[in-house]
Protein backbone atom coordinates (compact mmCIF):
# COMPACT_ATOMS: atom_id res chain seq x y z
CA UNK A 1 21.57 -82.87 -159.19
CA UNK A 2 22.84 -86.24 -159.50
CA UNK A 3 25.99 -85.27 -158.06
CA UNK A 4 24.88 -83.21 -155.40
CA UNK A 5 22.38 -86.09 -154.20
CA UNK A 6 25.41 -88.52 -154.57
CA UNK A 7 27.48 -85.89 -152.20
CA UNK A 8 24.38 -85.49 -149.75
CA UNK A 9 24.26 -89.30 -149.37
CA UNK A 10 27.79 -89.58 -148.73
CA UNK A 11 27.69 -86.90 -146.07
CA UNK A 12 24.80 -88.95 -144.35
CA UNK A 13 26.93 -92.07 -144.48
CA UNK A 14 29.74 -90.48 -143.12
CA UNK A 15 27.69 -88.87 -140.41
CA UNK A 16 26.28 -92.30 -139.51
CA UNK A 17 29.74 -93.83 -139.55
CA UNK A 18 30.91 -91.16 -136.88
CA UNK A 19 27.85 -92.03 -134.65
CA UNK A 20 28.50 -95.78 -134.81
CA UNK A 21 32.17 -95.03 -133.99
CA UNK A 22 30.99 -93.27 -130.92
CA UNK A 23 32.61 -89.75 -132.41
CA UNK A 24 29.33 -87.75 -133.07
CA UNK A 25 31.08 -84.52 -132.57
CA UNK A 26 33.27 -85.17 -135.75
CA UNK A 27 29.57 -84.04 -137.50
CA UNK A 28 29.84 -80.32 -138.48
CA UNK A 29 27.01 -78.04 -137.31
CA UNK A 30 26.59 -80.66 -134.51
CA UNK A 31 24.30 -78.96 -131.96
CA UNK A 32 22.34 -79.97 -128.47
CA UNK A 33 19.01 -78.43 -129.65
CA UNK A 34 19.06 -80.64 -132.99
CA UNK A 35 21.05 -83.52 -132.35
CA UNK A 36 21.15 -84.14 -128.59
CA UNK A 37 17.82 -83.56 -126.79
CA UNK A 38 15.82 -83.62 -129.97
CA UNK A 39 17.06 -87.15 -130.75
CA UNK A 40 15.93 -88.04 -126.99
CA UNK A 41 12.88 -86.38 -127.09
CA UNK A 42 10.66 -89.45 -126.75
CA UNK A 43 12.77 -90.59 -123.54
CA UNK A 44 12.28 -86.91 -122.20
CA UNK A 45 8.53 -87.37 -122.83
CA UNK A 46 8.33 -90.83 -121.23
CA UNK A 47 9.93 -89.74 -118.07
CA UNK A 48 8.18 -86.29 -118.17
CA UNK A 49 4.77 -88.08 -117.94
CA UNK A 50 5.92 -90.75 -115.65
CA UNK A 51 6.55 -88.35 -112.94
CA UNK A 52 2.79 -87.72 -112.44
CA UNK A 53 3.56 -89.94 -109.36
CA UNK A 54 5.24 -86.77 -107.81
CA UNK A 55 1.56 -85.77 -107.03
CA UNK A 56 1.08 -88.75 -104.89
CA UNK A 57 2.05 -89.61 -101.00
CA UNK A 58 2.30 -92.91 -99.61
CA UNK A 59 0.17 -92.04 -96.30
CA UNK A 60 -2.92 -91.29 -98.67
CA UNK A 61 -5.62 -93.95 -99.30
CA UNK A 62 -5.18 -95.38 -102.87
CA UNK A 63 -8.19 -94.16 -104.41
CA UNK A 64 -6.85 -90.39 -103.34
CA UNK A 65 -3.40 -91.58 -104.80
CA UNK A 66 -5.13 -92.55 -108.11
CA UNK A 67 -7.07 -88.95 -108.22
CA UNK A 68 -3.64 -87.20 -107.41
CA UNK A 69 -1.72 -89.17 -110.30
CA UNK A 70 -4.31 -88.46 -112.73
CA UNK A 71 -4.76 -84.96 -111.64
CA UNK A 72 -0.88 -84.76 -111.85
CA UNK A 73 -0.96 -86.01 -115.38
CA UNK A 74 -3.61 -83.60 -116.43
CA UNK A 75 -1.15 -80.58 -115.42
CA UNK A 76 1.55 -82.16 -116.99
CA UNK A 77 -0.40 -82.63 -120.32
CA UNK A 78 -1.86 -78.71 -120.23
CA UNK A 79 1.67 -77.59 -119.18
CA UNK A 80 2.97 -79.55 -122.39
CA UNK A 81 0.20 -78.52 -124.74
CA UNK A 82 0.31 -74.67 -123.84
CA UNK A 83 4.07 -74.64 -124.28
CA UNK A 84 3.35 -76.52 -127.97
CA UNK A 85 0.64 -73.61 -128.41
CA UNK A 86 3.64 -71.02 -127.46
CA UNK A 87 6.06 -72.11 -130.01
CA UNK A 88 3.75 -72.52 -132.61
CA UNK A 89 3.06 -75.99 -132.72
CA UNK A 90 -0.15 -78.36 -132.39
CA UNK A 91 -1.19 -78.87 -128.70
CA UNK A 92 0.04 -82.49 -128.56
CA UNK A 93 2.71 -82.29 -131.08
CA UNK A 94 6.37 -83.87 -130.05
CA UNK A 95 8.72 -81.17 -130.61
CA UNK A 96 10.77 -81.37 -133.58
CA UNK A 97 13.54 -78.87 -131.85
CA UNK A 98 13.87 -79.11 -127.86
CA UNK A 99 15.48 -75.94 -126.78
CA UNK A 100 15.55 -74.08 -123.55
CA UNK A 101 11.70 -73.62 -123.14
CA UNK A 102 11.25 -77.48 -123.59
CA UNK A 103 14.47 -78.36 -121.16
CA UNK A 104 13.14 -75.70 -118.40
CA UNK A 105 9.78 -77.19 -118.61
CA UNK A 106 10.77 -80.69 -118.24
CA UNK A 107 12.89 -79.60 -115.10
CA UNK A 108 10.16 -77.34 -113.45
CA UNK A 109 6.96 -78.64 -114.21
CA UNK A 110 6.94 -82.00 -112.84
CA UNK A 111 8.78 -80.45 -109.69
CA UNK A 112 5.42 -78.47 -109.07
CA UNK A 113 3.32 -81.51 -108.62
CA UNK A 114 4.39 -82.22 -105.18
CA UNK A 115 4.30 -78.73 -104.14
CA UNK A 116 0.78 -78.18 -105.40
CA UNK A 117 -0.55 -81.59 -103.85
CA UNK A 118 1.25 -81.39 -100.74
CA UNK A 119 3.39 -78.62 -100.30
CA UNK A 120 6.58 -80.64 -100.33
CA UNK A 121 9.28 -78.00 -100.85
CA UNK A 122 12.08 -80.78 -100.47
CA UNK A 123 10.57 -83.09 -103.09
CA UNK A 124 10.26 -79.97 -105.28
CA UNK A 125 14.06 -79.30 -104.93
CA UNK A 126 14.86 -82.98 -105.25
CA UNK A 127 12.96 -83.84 -108.33
CA UNK A 128 14.32 -80.47 -110.07
CA UNK A 129 17.91 -81.60 -109.46
CA UNK A 130 17.08 -85.21 -110.26
CA UNK A 131 15.74 -84.06 -113.77
CA UNK A 132 18.51 -81.87 -114.28
CA UNK A 133 21.06 -84.64 -113.56
CA UNK A 134 18.96 -86.61 -116.16
CA UNK A 135 19.43 -84.05 -118.59
CA UNK A 136 23.26 -83.94 -118.07
CA UNK A 137 23.16 -87.83 -118.39
CA UNK A 138 21.21 -87.60 -121.70
CA UNK A 139 23.63 -85.01 -123.04
CA UNK A 140 26.76 -87.23 -122.15
CA UNK A 141 25.35 -90.45 -123.61
CA UNK A 142 23.72 -88.88 -126.94
CA UNK A 143 25.79 -86.01 -127.14
CA UNK A 144 29.36 -87.95 -126.82
CA UNK A 145 28.09 -90.99 -128.01
CA UNK A 146 28.74 -92.96 -124.91
CA UNK A 147 26.83 -95.95 -125.72
CA UNK A 148 28.16 -96.22 -129.19
CA UNK A 149 31.79 -95.63 -127.66
CA UNK A 150 31.35 -98.82 -125.00
CA UNK A 151 30.35 -100.90 -127.97
CA UNK A 152 33.36 -99.87 -130.11
CA UNK A 153 35.58 -100.42 -127.32
CA UNK A 154 34.00 -104.10 -126.46
CA UNK A 155 34.37 -104.55 -130.36
CA UNK A 156 37.89 -104.56 -129.90
CA UNK A 157 37.95 -105.93 -126.37
CA UNK A 158 39.44 -109.42 -127.76
CA UNK A 159 42.44 -107.84 -129.22
CA UNK A 160 42.74 -105.62 -126.27
CA UNK A 161 42.48 -108.56 -123.74
CA UNK A 162 45.64 -110.38 -125.60
CA UNK A 163 47.37 -107.23 -125.11
CA UNK A 164 46.50 -106.75 -121.61
CA UNK A 165 47.36 -110.34 -120.62
CA UNK A 166 50.93 -109.39 -122.70
CA UNK A 167 51.43 -106.57 -120.34
CA UNK A 168 50.22 -108.22 -117.28
CA UNK A 169 52.32 -111.11 -117.90
CA UNK A 170 55.46 -108.54 -117.89
CA UNK A 171 54.15 -107.00 -114.82
CA UNK A 172 53.12 -110.31 -113.01
CA UNK A 173 56.28 -110.58 -110.68
CA UNK A 174 55.46 -107.27 -109.12
CA UNK A 175 51.82 -107.35 -109.24
CA UNK A 176 51.76 -110.74 -107.70
CA UNK A 177 54.06 -109.70 -105.05
CA UNK A 178 52.12 -106.67 -104.20
CA UNK A 179 48.93 -108.40 -104.33
CA UNK A 180 49.86 -111.78 -102.44
CA UNK A 181 51.50 -109.98 -99.40
CA UNK A 182 48.50 -107.81 -99.06
CA UNK A 183 46.15 -110.71 -99.02
CA UNK A 184 47.61 -112.69 -96.54
CA UNK A 185 48.00 -109.77 -94.15
CA UNK A 186 45.67 -110.25 -91.28
CA UNK A 187 45.41 -106.16 -90.95
CA UNK A 188 43.89 -106.53 -94.68
CA UNK A 189 41.12 -109.14 -93.37
CA UNK A 190 40.57 -107.10 -90.20
CA UNK A 191 40.00 -104.08 -92.09
CA UNK A 192 37.66 -105.10 -94.63
CA UNK A 193 35.84 -107.78 -92.47
CA UNK A 194 34.98 -105.04 -89.88
CA UNK A 195 34.22 -102.29 -91.77
CA UNK A 196 30.73 -101.32 -92.53
CA UNK A 197 29.27 -102.77 -95.69
CA UNK A 198 28.55 -99.38 -97.02
CA UNK A 199 31.92 -98.51 -96.09
CA UNK A 200 33.37 -101.02 -98.45
CA UNK A 201 31.69 -100.08 -101.52
CA UNK A 202 32.96 -96.51 -100.77
CA UNK A 203 36.63 -97.50 -100.28
CA UNK A 204 36.34 -99.63 -103.39
CA UNK A 205 34.91 -97.00 -105.34
CA UNK A 206 37.59 -94.38 -104.18
CA UNK A 207 40.56 -96.79 -105.59
CA UNK A 208 38.80 -97.17 -108.82
CA UNK A 209 37.76 -93.52 -108.91
CA UNK A 210 41.42 -92.80 -108.65
CA UNK A 211 42.55 -95.06 -111.25
CA UNK A 212 40.06 -93.23 -113.18
CA UNK A 213 41.34 -89.85 -112.70
CA UNK A 214 44.92 -91.09 -113.79
CA UNK A 215 43.32 -92.29 -117.23
CA UNK A 216 41.53 -88.92 -117.61
CA UNK A 217 44.32 -86.50 -116.56
CA UNK A 218 46.52 -88.65 -119.29
CA UNK A 219 43.96 -88.75 -121.87
CA UNK A 220 44.67 -85.21 -123.31
CA UNK A 221 48.20 -86.22 -124.21
CA UNK A 222 47.28 -89.26 -125.99
CA UNK A 223 44.65 -87.21 -127.89
CA UNK A 224 47.14 -84.80 -129.16
CA UNK A 225 49.64 -87.57 -130.03
CA UNK A 226 46.76 -89.60 -132.02
CA UNK A 227 45.61 -86.08 -133.86
CA UNK A 228 49.40 -85.44 -134.78
CA UNK A 229 49.83 -88.75 -136.24
CA UNK A 230 46.21 -89.09 -138.21
CA UNK A 231 45.16 -85.62 -138.57
CA UNK A 232 47.95 -84.32 -140.48
CA UNK A 233 46.82 -81.81 -143.44
CA UNK A 234 43.41 -81.82 -142.09
CA UNK A 235 41.56 -79.31 -140.38
CA UNK A 236 42.55 -79.19 -136.53
CA UNK A 237 40.02 -80.75 -134.17
CA UNK A 238 38.02 -78.45 -131.96
CA UNK A 239 37.91 -78.66 -128.23
CA UNK A 240 34.82 -80.69 -127.89
CA UNK A 241 36.10 -82.96 -130.63
CA UNK A 242 39.24 -83.50 -128.45
CA UNK A 243 37.17 -84.10 -125.79
CA UNK A 244 35.08 -86.62 -127.65
CA UNK A 245 37.99 -88.41 -128.74
CA UNK A 246 39.61 -88.45 -125.17
CA UNK A 247 36.25 -90.05 -123.99
CA UNK A 248 36.84 -92.92 -126.35
CA UNK A 249 40.40 -93.42 -125.41
CA UNK A 250 39.14 -93.43 -121.28
CA UNK A 251 36.39 -95.81 -121.88
CA UNK A 252 38.57 -98.33 -123.61
CA UNK A 253 41.32 -98.16 -121.18
CA UNK A 254 38.50 -98.48 -118.34
CA UNK A 255 36.94 -101.55 -119.80
CA UNK A 256 40.50 -103.26 -119.95
CA UNK A 257 41.53 -102.33 -116.02
CA UNK A 258 38.00 -103.24 -115.30
CA UNK A 259 38.42 -106.81 -116.59
CA UNK A 260 42.03 -107.08 -115.41
CA UNK A 261 40.71 -106.26 -112.03
CA UNK A 262 37.60 -108.62 -111.94
CA UNK A 263 40.03 -111.35 -113.10
CA UNK A 264 42.45 -110.49 -110.19
CA UNK A 265 39.31 -110.34 -107.85
CA UNK A 266 38.12 -113.88 -109.03
CA UNK A 267 41.56 -115.37 -108.73
CA UNK A 268 41.87 -114.51 -105.05
CA UNK A 269 38.35 -115.76 -104.30
CA UNK A 270 39.55 -119.32 -105.66
CA UNK A 271 43.20 -118.94 -104.08
CA UNK A 272 41.44 -118.04 -100.82
CA UNK A 273 38.89 -121.36 -100.87
CA UNK A 274 42.05 -123.27 -101.54
CA UNK A 275 44.73 -121.85 -99.30
CA UNK A 276 42.61 -120.68 -96.04
CA UNK A 277 40.87 -123.02 -93.96
CA UNK A 278 37.50 -122.05 -92.72
CA UNK A 279 39.11 -121.11 -89.17
CA UNK A 280 41.99 -119.13 -90.64
CA UNK A 281 39.86 -116.50 -92.38
CA UNK A 282 37.45 -116.03 -89.11
CA UNK A 283 40.65 -115.81 -86.93
CA UNK A 284 42.20 -113.02 -89.08
CA UNK A 285 39.01 -110.89 -89.58
CA UNK A 286 37.14 -111.54 -86.21
CA UNK A 287 34.25 -112.39 -88.54
CA UNK A 288 32.91 -114.31 -91.30
CA UNK A 289 30.64 -111.58 -92.42
CA UNK A 290 26.75 -112.14 -92.36
CA UNK A 291 26.65 -114.82 -94.41
CA UNK A 292 28.74 -118.05 -95.38
CA UNK A 293 28.39 -121.15 -97.36
CA UNK A 294 30.13 -123.93 -96.35
CA UNK A 295 30.93 -126.97 -98.82
CA UNK A 296 33.23 -129.81 -99.69
CA UNK A 297 35.81 -129.33 -102.29
CA UNK A 298 38.33 -132.09 -103.33
CA UNK A 299 37.13 -134.02 -100.48
CA UNK A 300 38.11 -130.87 -98.00
CA UNK A 301 35.58 -128.38 -96.15
CA UNK A 302 35.90 -125.09 -97.48
CA UNK A 303 34.00 -121.72 -96.91
CA UNK A 304 32.86 -119.08 -98.77
CA UNK A 305 32.44 -116.06 -96.83
CA UNK A 306 31.31 -112.40 -96.94
CA UNK A 307 34.52 -111.39 -95.68
CA UNK A 308 36.56 -113.41 -98.27
CA UNK A 309 34.41 -111.92 -100.95
CA UNK A 310 35.20 -108.04 -99.19
CA UNK A 311 39.12 -108.85 -99.06
CA UNK A 312 38.95 -110.33 -102.89
CA UNK A 313 36.97 -107.10 -103.90
CA UNK A 314 39.59 -104.78 -102.09
CA UNK A 315 42.56 -106.65 -103.84
CA UNK A 316 40.83 -106.34 -107.15
CA UNK A 317 40.43 -102.43 -106.37
CA UNK A 318 44.32 -102.10 -105.52
CA UNK A 319 45.16 -104.33 -108.34
CA UNK A 320 42.97 -102.39 -110.76
CA UNK A 321 44.42 -99.00 -109.53
CA UNK A 322 48.08 -100.40 -110.02
CA UNK A 323 47.32 -101.64 -113.56
CA UNK A 324 45.79 -98.43 -114.20
CA UNK A 325 49.14 -96.50 -113.14
CA UNK A 326 51.61 -99.10 -115.02
CA UNK A 327 49.83 -98.85 -118.57
CA UNK A 328 49.95 -94.85 -118.02
CA UNK A 329 53.49 -94.36 -116.69
CA UNK A 330 55.49 -97.13 -118.74
CA UNK A 331 55.90 -95.93 -122.19
CA UNK A 332 56.14 -99.48 -123.71
CA UNK A 333 52.42 -100.22 -122.66
CA UNK A 334 51.34 -96.48 -123.66
CA UNK A 335 52.93 -97.25 -126.96
CA UNK A 336 51.41 -100.42 -127.44
CA UNK A 337 47.71 -99.32 -126.36
CA UNK A 338 48.37 -96.29 -128.78
CA UNK A 339 49.50 -98.70 -131.57
CA UNK A 340 46.26 -100.80 -131.27
CA UNK A 341 43.88 -97.40 -131.07
CA UNK A 342 45.46 -95.79 -133.82
CA UNK A 343 45.03 -98.65 -136.30
CA UNK A 344 41.28 -98.44 -135.32
CA UNK A 345 40.95 -95.01 -135.66
CA UNK A 346 42.76 -94.30 -138.76
CA UNK A 347 39.90 -94.95 -140.78
CA UNK A 348 37.51 -92.60 -138.89
CA UNK A 349 40.06 -89.86 -139.34
CA UNK A 350 40.52 -90.38 -143.12
CA UNK A 351 36.64 -90.36 -143.54
CA UNK A 352 36.36 -87.17 -141.62
CA UNK A 353 38.78 -85.84 -144.27
CA UNK A 354 36.70 -86.93 -147.14
CA UNK A 355 33.69 -85.69 -145.45
CA UNK A 356 34.99 -82.25 -144.82
CA UNK A 357 36.11 -82.13 -148.35
CA UNK A 358 32.28 -82.90 -149.54
CA UNK A 359 31.00 -80.32 -147.23
CA UNK A 360 33.44 -77.77 -149.03
């Protein structure tokens, strides 16, 4: 009996380690109903009750909105209680297992409030879609250990930044030529200076998104390489476990690229303050943007403008895309990254082998 208790204790310790490492899918029999949505049940209940505001309308008087909110709360609590009774639980008991009936109620019941109190079909579909997206986000964050993965990547950020700086130094000549030529180009200033602000965010997001696509497409090959080196002789990873490992690799690379891009953007802000007089930037772009801040630097007037920040942000996005492609297409950079990841992951894969042995 003591040996069985020790084995169960060790199994629990291994499963906690997998969660902390951002690899919860290494846990056997890991299911959405028991391990994902049930763990997130308190947050789902909080959002569910908060959506009583869907019964209110901005055009209504304050007291009427209070009555409508309380009425919406009563409907939500009653629906929750009736579902509990139908599932054999106490009326106000928090579910120990969240399955399809609870998830369906979470999506549809709050969406009915604006339909009941105001006949708002658009709000009905909007709330239902929003709740569905929220559940997908919960599935990603909890089910694939996204938060733990980010903390894992941050914990090794210092080592990775040192490696990134080494890679950056080797790519610096081409990178500087590529970046500086674009930065001192009047067309670049005109493009970002006259572009609507919303379009600036869209274009910058597209560049970062393209870099993310490169990282995601390359991830399966890195996962196979990692599994071949660390999982030799153990049970092969399942498809979902490979996705979990791939997500860990992608998050680590995204953090590297983001830090490098942010550093390049900050460099061009400082470079622009020193290299460009207040009149030059306005002459190139035709505008200083919606705001500007003029001050003295080393006894000379300089001007920080919205346009300068726009162009520096665009350069950061271009550089981030260039760097993301470089670390994936250059075998030297890719092998250096995998060497660091392999060192960090070796203990987790060894723990998985012992974990599977304990489970028989």
